Amino acid sequence: MSAATNAEPTRALQARVEALEIKASYGEDLLETLNLTVYRQQQTIDALVQELRQLRQQLPETGNAGPRSLRDELPPHY
C-alpha cells in the first residue's frame, strides 16, 4: 500500500471525527439551553404557586355555603 492510498481513509476518518465533534458541540449547547429554560420555568412555577397561596389566603371564608349558582349572581351593568 502506498502513502496516497493510506491517506484517503485517514482523511475520511478525520472528517467523520470532526463531524461527530461538531454534533457533540451542538448537543452540549442545546442541553445547556434546555436546562436554563427548565430552570426559568421552574422559577416561574414556584412564583405562581406562591402567588396562588397568597390569593387563597385573601379569599373570605364561605363556610359551608357550597358552590354558588350563576343565577344568584347580579347581572352586569352596561
Protein backbone atom coordinates (compact mmCIF):
# COMPACT_ATOMS: atom_id res chain seq x y z
CA MET A 1 0.00 0.00 0.00
CA SER A 2 1.26 3.39 -0.88
CA ALA A 3 1.07 6.52 1.26
CA ALA A 4 -1.55 8.06 -1.05
CA THR A 5 -3.86 5.07 -0.70
CA ASN A 6 -3.45 5.08 3.07
CA ALA A 7 -4.08 8.85 3.36
CA GLU A 8 -7.58 8.71 1.88
CA PRO A 9 -9.13 6.50 4.62
CA THR A 10 -7.32 8.62 7.21
CA ARG A 11 -8.85 11.80 5.78
CA ALA A 12 -12.29 10.20 5.69
CA LEU A 13 -11.91 9.08 9.29
CA GLN A 14 -10.73 12.56 10.30
CA ALA A 15 -13.77 14.12 8.58
CA ARG A 16 -16.11 11.73 10.41
CA VAL A 17 -14.47 12.54 13.75
CA GLU A 18 -14.80 16.28 13.07
CA ALA A 19 -18.48 15.85 12.14
CA LEU A 20 -19.09 13.95 15.38
CA GLU A 21 -17.28 16.64 17.38
CA ILE A 22 -19.46 19.32 15.77
CA LYS A 23 -22.63 17.36 16.55
CA ALA A 24 -21.50 16.83 20.14
CA SER A 25 -20.81 20.54 20.49
CA TYR A 26 -24.28 21.45 19.20
CA GLY A 27 -25.78 18.82 21.51
CA GLU A 28 -23.99 20.27 24.53
CA ASP A 29 -25.16 23.78 23.63
CA LEU A 30 -28.74 22.58 23.19
CA LEU A 31 -28.63 20.75 26.52
CA GLU A 32 -27.36 23.87 28.29
CA THR A 33 -30.09 25.98 26.67
CA LEU A 34 -32.80 23.49 27.63
CA ASN A 35 -31.51 23.26 31.20
CA LEU A 36 -31.67 27.04 31.52
CA THR A 37 -35.19 27.06 30.07
CA VAL A 38 -36.37 24.41 32.53
CA TYR A 39 -34.74 26.30 35.42
CA ARG A 40 -36.52 29.53 34.45
CA GLN A 41 -39.83 27.74 34.02
CA GLN A 42 -39.47 26.18 37.48
CA GLN A 43 -38.80 29.62 38.95
CA THR A 44 -41.98 30.90 37.27
CA ILE A 45 -43.98 27.93 38.54
CA ASP A 46 -42.69 28.46 42.08
CA ALA A 47 -43.62 32.15 41.95
CA LEU A 48 -47.10 31.35 40.63
CA VAL A 49 -47.68 28.72 43.32
CA GLN A 50 -46.68 31.23 45.98
CA GLU A 51 -48.98 33.86 44.49
CA LEU A 52 -51.84 31.35 44.38
CA ARG A 53 -51.31 30.55 48.06
CA GLN A 54 -51.44 34.24 48.92
CA LEU A 55 -54.62 34.74 46.89
CA ARG A 56 -56.28 31.77 48.58
CA GLN A 57 -55.44 33.26 51.97
CA GLN A 58 -57.10 36.53 50.94
CA LEU A 59 -60.36 34.83 49.96
CA PRO A 60 -63.09 35.19 52.56
CA GLU A 61 -64.13 32.02 54.29
CA THR A 62 -67.51 30.96 52.89
CA GLY A 63 -68.06 28.14 55.33
CA ASN A 64 -70.48 25.51 54.12
CA ALA A 65 -72.22 27.75 51.61
CA GLY A 66 -71.24 25.40 48.80
CA PRO A 67 -70.77 26.38 45.17
CA ARG A 68 -72.57 29.49 44.03
CA SER A 69 -75.01 29.43 41.16
CA LEU A 70 -74.77 31.88 38.28
CA ARG A 71 -78.48 32.64 38.83
CA ASP A 72 -77.58 34.11 42.23
CA GLU A 73 -75.09 36.50 40.67
CA LEU A 74 -76.06 40.08 39.92
CA PRO A 75 -76.32 40.92 36.22
CA PRO A 76 -73.55 43.03 34.74
CA HIS A 77 -74.20 46.74 34.44
CA TYR A 78 -73.83 48.16 30.98
